[in-house]
Amino acid sequence: MRKRSFYYLCLIAMLEILLLAAALLLARYVPAFQAAQMERPLTYAGLVVLAALALALSAAWWLSRRLIRPLEDPAFGGQTYDELSPLLHELELRRSQVRSGAGELERKEADLQMIIQNMSEGLVIMDGTGVIITLNPAARELLAAEGDGVGKHLFALNRDPGLQAAVHMAIGGTSDESRIHIAQRMIHAIANPVIMDSEVKGVVLFLLDVTREYAAEQMRREFSANVSHELKTPLTAISGYAEIIQNGMVAPQDVPRFAGSIYQEAQRLIALVNDIIRLSRLDEGVLDGSKEEIDMMQLARSVAARLRQKAQSRQVCLEVSGEGFTARGEESLLEEMLYNLCDNGITYNRPEGKVEVILERSPAGNRVTVRDNGIGIPKEHQSRVFERFYRVDKSHSKETGGTGLGLSIVKHVAMIHHLELKLESAPGEGTTITLQFPVEEKSGKESDQE
């Protein structure tokens, strides 16, 4: 590089000398230049100096470009500077690494944005004052917010006191949680501060839809309370009758009557415990036996035979009709399901009433319908009659007995066997409950035989 630069300087010097020699020769041999030198020597000398300066500047600019161009573009004309080769190689390596790192960061950012946008949980990222920086679609839906919300304060989207308290705690540097109701949903909000250099720089808010879990929790609480109450009632009666007999306060002729009451309450208690155990096993999806092909017409007639005496005692007509078909399932569960439906139809009926069990075959799925013309169920109660211990008329239910778990067992058996359960009822007109069996796929061999 130094050798090349020296050659360039020598070339410029030679050009300057040639320019001065040419000016002297012109002034000596060319009449016009000779006259100009004689008449205006200073002007002539100035022009020569300006020409020399212009030549020098042009040569210097050309030289600088020749020297700098390889630095700007190392591949220019195949020229390289041996002294700068290591530096240029290192710079190119660093530039390649920067490009690669930038591409990797872009890919990671794209992946992160894809994850955030497709999360089922709500995610809100805010600055230290609560202004939203990032809001994913799930959070926008859970907060029932309109627009993207970015750049707005969180409390402009939702002003729930529990949410405000949790976010204020996070802005203060402490994580906090809260459950809030938004648009008939139960939302679990978790607010965490983002702390850097002992200073809160932002807040990360997670929103989880726990509506189902909350409903299940409420149902468990109600179930526990109802179980305690239902168990306490027969136990109290048994304990009271036994205490009276123990203290000799019962006449000998009344002992059988008290013993009968104790027996009835004990039977009620046993039935309740059995229903609770059965319902717990159904919740876990546990079957007492294996599934098999069952003749539903024969099963329905068997259930009707068991309930015939109760139906006659209440002056209710119980009939089974329709086309028989087979269904795959556990016989004891399907029998209990039909028994509970027919028993309810008889229990909540009127004298001279009627309960029909109708079996129908259909390409869309076979059906079993239990229809009665009893007291019916008001519209506001129909969505809850399959809940555990739920009673439409508590006073009437206590008179008729029962555990309050019959329809809940029906619902769980239907779920295990993938049956569609449909209820239609009106006060004073009776109730119709339909069980739609799924369409069973036939093997190719069976189809050929048919």
Protein backbone atom coordinates (compact mmCIF):
# COMPACT_ATOMS: atom_id res chain seq x y z
CA MET A 1 0.00 0.00 0.00
CA ARG A 2 2.77 2.44 0.91
CA LYS A 3 4.70 1.57 -2.27
CA ARG A 4 1.61 2.14 -4.40
CA SER A 5 0.90 5.48 -2.71
CA PHE A 6 4.50 6.57 -3.35
CA TYR A 7 4.11 5.79 -7.06
CA TYR A 8 0.89 7.85 -7.17
CA LEU A 9 2.63 10.87 -5.55
CA CYS A 10 5.52 10.64 -7.98
CA LEU A 11 3.04 10.58 -10.84
CA ILE A 12 1.32 13.75 -9.54
CA ALA A 13 4.68 15.51 -9.14
CA MET A 14 5.67 14.62 -12.69
CA LEU A 15 2.35 15.98 -13.98
CA GLU A 16 2.97 19.23 -12.10
CA ILE A 17 6.48 19.55 -13.59
CA LEU A 18 5.19 18.82 -17.09
CA LEU A 19 2.49 21.46 -16.63
CA LEU A 20 5.05 24.13 -15.60
CA ALA A 21 7.39 23.14 -18.47
CA ALA A 22 4.51 23.40 -20.91
CA ALA A 23 3.63 26.87 -19.59
CA LEU A 24 7.26 28.07 -19.99
CA LEU A 25 7.53 26.64 -23.51
CA LEU A 26 4.28 28.27 -24.53
CA ALA A 27 5.43 31.59 -23.12
CA ARG A 28 8.71 31.36 -25.04
CA TYR A 29 7.67 30.04 -28.45
CA VAL A 30 3.98 30.90 -28.87
CA PRO A 31 3.51 34.61 -29.72
CA ALA A 32 0.11 34.87 -27.99
CA PHE A 33 1.33 33.38 -24.70
CA GLN A 34 4.62 35.33 -25.00
CA ALA A 35 2.68 38.59 -25.37
CA ALA A 36 0.49 37.70 -22.39
CA GLN A 37 3.57 36.99 -20.26
CA MET A 38 5.22 40.23 -21.27
CA GLU A 39 2.15 42.45 -20.90
CA ARG A 40 0.53 40.81 -17.82
CA PRO A 41 3.14 38.64 -16.11
CA LEU A 42 1.17 38.38 -12.84
CA THR A 43 -2.02 37.34 -14.57
CA TYR A 44 -0.17 34.79 -16.63
CA ALA A 45 1.59 33.39 -13.59
CA GLY A 46 -1.74 33.25 -11.72
CA LEU A 47 -3.38 31.29 -14.49
CA VAL A 48 -0.48 28.85 -14.54
CA VAL A 49 -0.73 28.39 -10.76
CA LEU A 50 -4.53 27.91 -10.92
CA ALA A 51 -4.12 25.32 -13.66
CA ALA A 52 -1.48 23.53 -11.62
CA LEU A 53 -3.72 23.67 -8.52
CA ALA A 54 -6.70 22.27 -10.46
CA LEU A 55 -4.54 19.50 -11.79
CA ALA A 56 -3.27 18.75 -8.31
CA LEU A 57 -6.77 18.67 -6.83
CA SER A 58 -8.04 16.41 -9.61
CA ALA A 59 -5.13 14.07 -9.16
CA ALA A 60 -5.57 14.09 -5.36
CA TRP A 61 -9.29 13.29 -5.67
CA TRP A 62 -8.56 10.48 -8.10
CA LEU A 63 -5.83 9.14 -5.85
CA SER A 64 -8.03 9.25 -2.74
CA ARG A 65 -10.79 7.37 -4.52
CA ARG A 66 -8.30 4.76 -5.64
CA LEU A 67 -7.06 4.41 -2.08
CA ILE A 68 -10.50 4.35 -0.38
CA ARG A 69 -12.44 2.28 -2.92
CA PRO A 70 -10.87 -1.05 -1.85
CA LEU A 71 -11.91 -0.22 1.73
CA GLU A 72 -15.50 0.41 0.72
CA ASP A 73 -15.64 -2.57 -1.61
CA PRO A 74 -12.93 -5.16 -0.94
CA ALA A 75 -13.75 -6.96 -4.19
CA PHE A 76 -13.24 -3.85 -6.36
CA GLY A 77 -11.08 -4.71 -9.32
CA GLY A 78 -9.53 -7.57 -7.38
CA GLN A 79 -7.43 -5.04 -5.43
CA THR A 80 -6.69 -5.69 -1.78
CA TYR A 81 -4.48 -4.15 0.85
CA ASP A 82 -2.41 -6.77 2.52
CA GLU A 83 -2.15 -4.64 5.67
CA LEU A 84 -5.98 -4.33 5.94
CA SER A 85 -6.90 -7.89 4.94
CA PRO A 86 -7.20 -9.20 8.55
CA LEU A 87 -9.29 -6.18 9.54
CA LEU A 88 -11.51 -6.43 6.49
CA HIS A 89 -11.99 -10.16 7.06
CA GLU A 90 -12.95 -9.57 10.70
CA LEU A 91 -15.37 -6.81 9.74
CA GLU A 92 -17.02 -9.04 7.16
CA LEU A 93 -17.28 -11.85 9.71
CA ARG A 94 -18.86 -9.50 12.25
CA ARG A 95 -21.28 -8.17 9.66
CA SER A 96 -22.33 -11.70 8.74
CA GLN A 97 -22.84 -12.53 12.41
CA VAL A 98 -24.94 -9.40 12.90
CA ARG A 99 -27.11 -10.29 9.91
CA SER A 100 -27.51 -13.86 11.19
CA GLY A 101 -28.33 -12.64 14.71
CA ALA A 102 -30.88 -10.16 13.40
CA GLY A 103 -32.56 -12.89 11.36
CA GLU A 104 -32.66 -15.18 14.40
CA LEU A 105 -34.18 -12.42 16.52
CA GLU A 106 -36.81 -11.80 13.85
CA ARG A 107 -37.68 -15.50 13.77
CA LYS A 108 -37.91 -15.69 17.56
CA GLU A 109 -40.08 -12.58 17.66
CA ALA A 110 -42.36 -14.07 15.01
CA ASP A 111 -42.61 -17.33 16.98
CA LEU A 112 -43.35 -15.43 20.19
CA GLN A 113 -46.04 -13.35 18.51
CA MET A 114 -47.60 -16.48 17.03
CA ILE A 115 -47.69 -18.13 20.48
CA ILE A 116 -49.13 -15.01 22.13
CA GLN A 117 -51.78 -14.52 19.45
CA ASN A 118 -52.91 -18.16 19.62
CA MET A 119 -52.92 -18.56 23.40
CA SER A 120 -56.26 -19.59 24.88
CA GLU A 121 -55.27 -17.67 28.02
CA GLY A 122 -55.46 -13.91 28.01
CA LEU A 123 -52.17 -12.00 28.14
CA VAL A 124 -51.87 -8.27 28.74
CA ILE A 125 -48.50 -6.50 28.96
CA MET A 126 -48.54 -2.98 30.41
CA ASP A 127 -46.02 -0.32 31.29
CA GLY A 128 -45.43 0.86 34.82
CA THR A 129 -48.53 3.07 34.78
CA GLY A 130 -50.99 0.48 33.48
CA VAL A 131 -51.04 1.55 29.83
CA ILE A 132 -51.41 -1.48 27.53
CA ILE A 133 -48.43 -2.39 25.34
CA THR A 134 -49.59 -5.79 24.12
CA LEU A 135 -53.05 -7.38 24.23
CA ASN A 136 -53.70 -10.79 22.66
CA PRO A 137 -57.10 -11.79 21.17
CA ALA A 138 -57.96 -14.08 24.10
CA ALA A 139 -57.51 -11.21 26.58
CA ARG A 140 -59.59 -8.92 24.39
CA GLU A 141 -62.39 -11.49 24.38
CA LEU A 142 -62.21 -12.20 28.13
CA LEU A 143 -62.24 -8.49 28.94
CA ALA A 144 -65.09 -7.96 26.46
CA ALA A 145 -63.04 -5.08 25.03
CA GLU A 146 -63.77 -3.27 21.78
CA GLY A 147 -60.83 -2.43 19.49
CA ASP A 148 -57.25 -3.52 20.01
CA GLY A 149 -56.83 -1.56 23.26
CA VAL A 150 -53.13 -0.90 22.71
CA GLY A 151 -52.12 2.51 24.03
CA LYS A 152 -55.11 2.69 26.37
CA HIS A 153 -55.14 2.31 30.12
CA LEU A 154 -56.35 -1.12 31.24
CA PHE A 155 -59.05 0.42 33.40
CA ALA A 156 -60.51 2.08 30.32
CA LEU A 157 -61.38 -1.44 29.11
CA ASN A 158 -62.61 -2.86 32.41
CA ARG A 159 -63.17 -1.23 35.77
CA ASP A 160 -63.82 -4.29 37.92
CA PRO A 161 -62.67 -3.52 41.50
CA GLY A 162 -60.94 -6.90 41.88
CA LEU A 163 -59.00 -6.40 38.65
CA GLN A 164 -58.03 -2.87 39.64
CA ALA A 165 -56.81 -4.03 43.04
CA ALA A 166 -54.64 -6.79 41.53
CA VAL A 167 -53.08 -4.44 38.93
CA HIS A 168 -52.43 -1.73 41.54
CA MET A 169 -50.65 -4.28 43.72
CA ALA A 170 -48.49 -5.35 40.75
CA ILE A 171 -47.65 -1.71 39.92
CA GLY A 172 -46.57 -1.40 43.56
CA GLY A 173 -44.19 -4.35 43.08
CA THR A 174 -46.25 -7.22 44.57
CA SER A 175 -47.87 -10.07 42.67
CA ASP A 176 -51.59 -10.48 43.24
CA GLU A 177 -54.53 -12.61 42.07
CA SER A 178 -58.25 -12.02 41.83
CA ARG A 179 -61.41 -13.65 40.51
CA ILE A 180 -63.73 -11.38 38.59
CA HIS A 181 -67.07 -11.72 36.79
CA ILE A 182 -67.08 -10.46 33.19
CA ALA A 183 -69.94 -11.10 30.77
CA GLN A 184 -71.27 -14.13 32.71
CA ARG A 185 -67.79 -15.61 32.96
CA MET A 186 -65.58 -16.21 35.96
CA ILE A 187 -62.07 -14.95 35.15
CA HIS A 188 -59.00 -15.67 37.27
CA ALA A 189 -56.63 -12.70 36.93
CA ILE A 190 -52.93 -12.99 37.87
CA ALA A 191 -50.92 -9.74 37.89
CA ASN A 192 -47.12 -9.89 38.15
CA PRO A 193 -44.73 -6.90 38.22
CA VAL A 194 -41.76 -6.61 35.84
CA ILE A 195 -38.89 -5.36 38.00
CA MET A 196 -35.55 -4.08 36.63
CA ASP A 197 -32.91 -2.36 38.73
CA SER A 198 -35.23 -2.41 41.75
CA GLU A 199 -37.86 -0.46 39.80
CA VAL A 200 -41.21 -1.60 38.41
CA LYS A 201 -40.99 -1.21 34.63
CA GLY A 202 -44.27 -2.90 33.74
CA VAL A 203 -46.98 -5.39 34.61
CA VAL A 204 -47.83 -8.77 33.04
CA LEU A 205 -51.48 -9.79 33.47
CA PHE A 206 -52.70 -13.34 32.82
CA LEU A 207 -56.43 -13.97 32.41
CA LEU A 208 -57.77 -17.53 32.76
CA ASP A 209 -61.36 -18.55 32.05
CA VAL A 210 -62.31 -20.70 35.08
CA THR A 211 -66.08 -20.63 34.55
CA ARG A 212 -66.38 -24.43 34.36
CA GLU A 213 -64.06 -24.99 37.29
CA TYR A 214 -65.97 -22.43 39.33
CA ALA A 215 -69.30 -24.05 38.46
CA ALA A 216 -67.91 -27.48 39.37
CA GLU A 217 -66.58 -26.09 42.64
CA GLN A 218 -69.96 -24.58 43.45
CA MET A 219 -71.64 -27.86 42.58
CA ARG A 220 -69.29 -29.78 44.88
CA ARG A 221 -70.04 -27.39 47.71
CA GLU A 222 -73.77 -27.70 47.17
CA PHE A 223 -73.42 -31.47 46.89
CA SER A 224 -71.51 -31.69 50.17
CA ALA A 225 -74.07 -29.49 51.91
CA ASN A 226 -76.98 -31.47 50.45
CA VAL A 227 -75.41 -34.84 51.31
CA SER A 228 -74.90 -33.70 54.90
CA HIS A 229 -78.53 -32.59 55.10
CA GLU A 230 -79.97 -35.67 53.40
CA LEU A 231 -77.94 -38.04 55.59
CA LYS A 232 -78.75 -36.15 58.74
CA THR A 233 -82.53 -36.38 58.24
CA PRO A 234 -82.92 -40.22 58.39
CA LEU A 235 -80.18 -40.55 61.00
CA THR A 236 -81.97 -38.06 63.23
CA ALA A 237 -85.23 -39.98 62.85
CA ILE A 238 -83.55 -43.32 63.57
CA SER A 239 -81.75 -41.89 66.60
CA GLY A 240 -84.98 -40.33 67.94
CA TYR A 241 -87.06 -43.50 67.60
CA ALA A 242 -84.29 -45.63 69.12
CA GLU A 243 -83.88 -43.25 72.05
CA ILE A 244 -87.63 -43.34 72.81
CA ILE A 245 -87.65 -47.15 72.76
CA GLN A 246 -84.47 -47.29 74.89
CA ASN A 247 -86.00 -45.07 77.58
CA GLY A 248 -89.09 -47.26 77.81
CA MET A 249 -91.39 -44.48 76.66
CA VAL A 250 -93.16 -46.68 74.10
CA ALA A 251 -96.02 -48.99 74.93
CA PRO A 252 -95.38 -52.61 73.97
CA GLN A 253 -98.10 -52.53 71.32
CA ASP A 254 -96.41 -49.48 69.68
CA VAL A 255 -92.93 -51.02 69.44
CA PRO A 256 -93.60 -52.65 66.02
CA ARG A 257 -94.74 -49.30 64.63
CA PHE A 258 -91.59 -47.54 65.87
CA ALA A 259 -89.43 -50.41 64.64
CA GLY A 260 -91.09 -50.08 61.24
CA SER A 261 -90.28 -46.36 61.14
CA ILE A 262 -86.67 -47.12 62.04
CA TYR A 263 -86.55 -49.72 59.26
CA GLN A 264 -88.01 -47.33 56.69
CA GLU A 265 -85.53 -44.58 57.59
CA ALA A 266 -82.67 -47.08 57.50
CA GLN A 267 -83.76 -48.24 54.05
CA ARG A 268 -83.92 -44.63 52.92
CA LEU A 269 -80.43 -44.07 54.29
CA ILE A 270 -79.10 -47.19 52.54
CA ALA A 271 -80.68 -46.10 49.26
CA LEU A 272 -79.15 -42.65 49.59
CA VAL A 273 -75.68 -44.03 50.32
CA ASN A 274 -75.95 -46.48 47.41
CA ASP A 275 -76.99 -43.66 45.06
CA ILE A 276 -74.09 -41.49 46.24
CA ILE A 277 -71.63 -44.34 45.70
CA ARG A 278 -73.10 -45.10 42.29
CA LEU A 279 -72.99 -41.43 41.27
CA SER A 280 -69.35 -41.13 42.38
CA ARG A 281 -68.41 -44.16 40.29
CA LEU A 282 -70.28 -42.74 37.31
CA ASP A 283 -68.39 -39.44 37.75
CA GLU A 284 -65.16 -41.41 37.40
CA GLY A 285 -66.51 -43.31 34.38
CA VAL A 286 -66.27 -46.62 36.24
CA LEU A 287 -68.56 -49.40 34.95
CA ASP A 288 -69.65 -52.30 37.16
CA GLY A 289 -69.63 -54.67 34.21
CA SER A 290 -68.65 -54.84 30.56
CA LYS A 291 -70.71 -53.51 27.69
CA GLU A 292 -72.78 -56.01 25.73
CA GLU A 293 -75.68 -56.18 23.28
CA ILE A 294 -78.93 -55.62 25.21
CA ASP A 295 -82.52 -56.19 24.08
CA MET A 296 -84.06 -52.85 25.04
CA MET A 297 -87.67 -54.08 24.70
CA GLN A 298 -87.03 -56.90 27.15
CA LEU A 299 -85.23 -54.49 29.47
CA ALA A 300 -88.12 -52.00 29.38
CA ARG A 301 -90.68 -54.75 30.15
CA SER A 302 -88.55 -55.93 33.06
CA VAL A 303 -88.47 -52.41 34.51
CA ALA A 304 -92.25 -52.09 34.03
CA ALA A 305 -92.80 -55.37 35.87
CA ARG A 306 -90.76 -54.16 38.85
CA LEU A 307 -92.78 -50.93 39.05
CA ARG A 308 -96.19 -52.46 38.34
CA GLN A 309 -97.20 -52.70 42.00
CA LYS A 310 -96.19 -49.07 42.74
CA ALA A 311 -98.05 -47.86 39.66
CA GLN A 312 -101.20 -49.73 40.69
CA SER A 313 -101.00 -48.37 44.25
CA ARG A 314 -100.94 -44.83 42.84
CA GLN A 315 -103.59 -45.60 40.21
CA VAL A 316 -101.17 -44.92 37.34
CA CYS A 317 -101.15 -46.95 34.13
CA LEU A 318 -97.66 -48.04 33.02
CA GLU A 319 -97.30 -49.28 29.42
CA VAL A 320 -94.43 -50.37 27.15
CA SER A 321 -94.88 -50.19 23.37
CA GLY A 322 -93.04 -49.69 20.11
CA GLU A 323 -90.40 -51.57 18.09
CA GLY A 324 -87.71 -53.53 19.87
CA PHE A 325 -84.01 -52.97 19.15
CA THR A 326 -80.68 -53.84 20.65
CA ALA A 327 -78.17 -51.41 22.12
CA ARG A 328 -74.63 -51.85 23.31
CA GLY A 329 -74.07 -50.90 26.94
CA GLU A 330 -73.98 -52.05 30.53
CA GLU A 331 -77.30 -53.68 31.34
CA SER A 332 -77.48 -52.70 35.03
CA LEU A 333 -76.87 -49.02 34.26
CA LEU A 334 -79.38 -48.85 31.41
CA GLU A 335 -81.94 -50.66 33.56
CA GLU A 336 -81.39 -48.22 36.42
CA MET A 337 -81.70 -45.28 34.02
CA LEU A 338 -85.09 -46.53 32.72
CA TYR A 339 -86.21 -47.43 36.25
CA ASN A 340 -85.51 -43.89 37.52
CA LEU A 341 -87.35 -42.29 34.60
CA CYS A 342 -90.40 -44.52 34.99
CA ASP A 343 -90.35 -44.18 38.78
CA ASN A 344 -90.36 -40.38 38.47
CA GLY A 345 -93.23 -40.59 35.99
CA ILE A 346 -95.27 -42.59 38.48
CA THR A 347 -94.26 -40.57 41.55
CA TYR A 348 -94.99 -37.15 40.09
CA ASN A 349 -98.30 -38.10 38.49
CA ARG A 350 -101.97 -37.88 39.41
CA PRO A 351 -104.59 -40.59 39.98
CA GLU A 352 -105.74 -42.16 36.71
CA GLY A 353 -102.50 -40.89 35.17
CA LYS A 354 -100.41 -42.67 32.56
CA VAL A 355 -96.73 -43.43 31.95
CA GLU A 356 -95.65 -44.71 28.52
CA VAL A 357 -92.32 -46.23 27.54
CA ILE A 358 -92.05 -46.04 23.73
CA LEU A 359 -89.22 -47.68 21.75
CA GLU A 360 -88.56 -46.49 18.18
CA ARG A 361 -86.16 -47.65 15.50
CA SER A 362 -84.68 -45.04 13.17
CA PRO A 363 -81.74 -44.76 10.75
CA ALA A 364 -80.82 -41.55 12.60
CA GLY A 365 -80.52 -43.48 15.86
CA ASN A 366 -82.91 -45.58 17.94
CA ARG A 367 -84.90 -43.83 20.67
CA VAL A 368 -86.49 -44.62 24.01
CA THR A 369 -89.13 -42.13 25.15
CA VAL A 370 -90.64 -42.02 28.63
CA ARG A 371 -93.82 -39.90 28.61
CA ASP A 372 -96.24 -39.11 31.41
CA ASN A 373 -99.22 -36.82 31.82
CA GLY A 374 -98.39 -35.82 35.39
CA ILE A 375 -97.77 -32.50 37.13
CA GLY A 376 -95.03 -31.38 34.72
CA ILE A 377 -91.98 -29.19 35.31
CA PRO A 378 -92.00 -25.38 35.09
CA LYS A 379 -89.77 -23.86 32.41
CA GLU A 380 -87.43 -22.16 34.90
CA HIS A 381 -86.60 -25.49 36.57
CA GLN A 382 -86.06 -27.64 33.49
CA SER A 383 -82.37 -26.79 33.07
CA ARG A 384 -81.61 -27.87 36.65
CA VAL A 385 -83.67 -31.00 37.25
CA PHE A 386 -80.68 -33.20 36.39
CA GLU A 387 -78.56 -31.61 39.12
CA ARG A 388 -77.88 -33.59 42.27
CA PHE A 389 -80.49 -33.18 45.03
CA TYR A 390 -82.34 -30.56 43.02
CA ARG A 391 -86.07 -30.69 43.73
CA VAL A 392 -88.72 -28.64 41.95
CA ASP A 393 -91.16 -28.91 44.86
CA LYS A 394 -89.30 -29.73 48.05
CA SER A 395 -92.41 -30.22 50.16
CA HIS A 396 -93.95 -32.62 47.63
CA SER A 397 -90.61 -34.42 47.25
CA LYS A 398 -90.41 -35.17 50.96
CA GLU A 399 -93.90 -36.68 50.85
CA THR A 400 -93.05 -38.94 47.91
CA GLY A 401 -89.63 -39.95 49.25
CA GLY A 402 -86.63 -40.52 47.02
CA THR A 403 -83.02 -39.43 47.30
CA GLY A 404 -83.04 -36.56 44.82
CA LEU A 405 -80.29 -38.26 42.79
CA GLY A 406 -82.38 -40.25 40.30
CA LEU A 407 -82.27 -37.83 37.37
CA SER A 408 -78.62 -37.02 38.05
CA ILE A 409 -77.83 -40.74 37.69
CA VAL A 410 -79.89 -40.77 34.47
CA LYS A 411 -77.77 -37.92 33.10
CA HIS A 412 -74.47 -39.63 33.95
CA VAL A 413 -75.54 -43.00 32.52
CA ALA A 414 -76.59 -41.23 29.32
CA MET A 415 -73.21 -39.51 29.11
CA ILE A 416 -71.31 -42.79 29.59
CA HIS A 417 -73.34 -44.44 26.81
CA HIS A 418 -73.15 -41.34 24.57
CA LEU A 419 -76.92 -40.88 24.56
CA GLU A 420 -78.57 -37.58 23.69
CA LEU A 421 -80.91 -36.58 26.51
CA LYS A 422 -83.88 -34.34 25.69
CA LEU A 423 -86.57 -33.05 28.06
CA GLU A 424 -89.92 -31.48 27.19
CA SER A 425 -92.41 -30.50 29.87
CA ALA A 426 -95.13 -28.08 30.82
CA PRO A 427 -96.94 -27.62 34.16
CA GLY A 428 -100.14 -29.67 34.25
CA GLU A 429 -99.43 -31.34 30.91
CA GLY A 430 -96.77 -33.87 31.86
CA THR A 431 -93.16 -34.57 30.97
CA THR A 432 -91.46 -36.30 28.03
CA ILE A 433 -87.84 -37.44 28.25
CA THR A 434 -86.21 -38.87 25.13
CA LEU A 435 -83.01 -40.94 24.99
CA GLN A 436 -81.44 -40.90 21.52
CA PHE A 437 -78.95 -43.73 20.97
CA PRO A 438 -75.96 -43.11 18.68
CA VAL A 439 -75.90 -44.67 15.22
CA GLU A 440 -73.72 -47.77 15.39
CA GLU A 441 -71.39 -48.41 12.47
CA LYS A 442 -71.75 -51.86 10.97
CA SER A 443 -68.84 -53.92 9.72
CA GLY A 444 -68.57 -54.78 6.06
CA LYS A 445 -69.32 -58.41 6.79
CA GLU A 446 -72.57 -57.60 8.60
CA SER A 447 -73.62 -55.30 5.78
CA ASP A 448 -73.05 -58.04 3.21
CA GLN A 449 -75.12 -60.49 5.24
CA GLU A 450 -78.00 -58.03 5.39
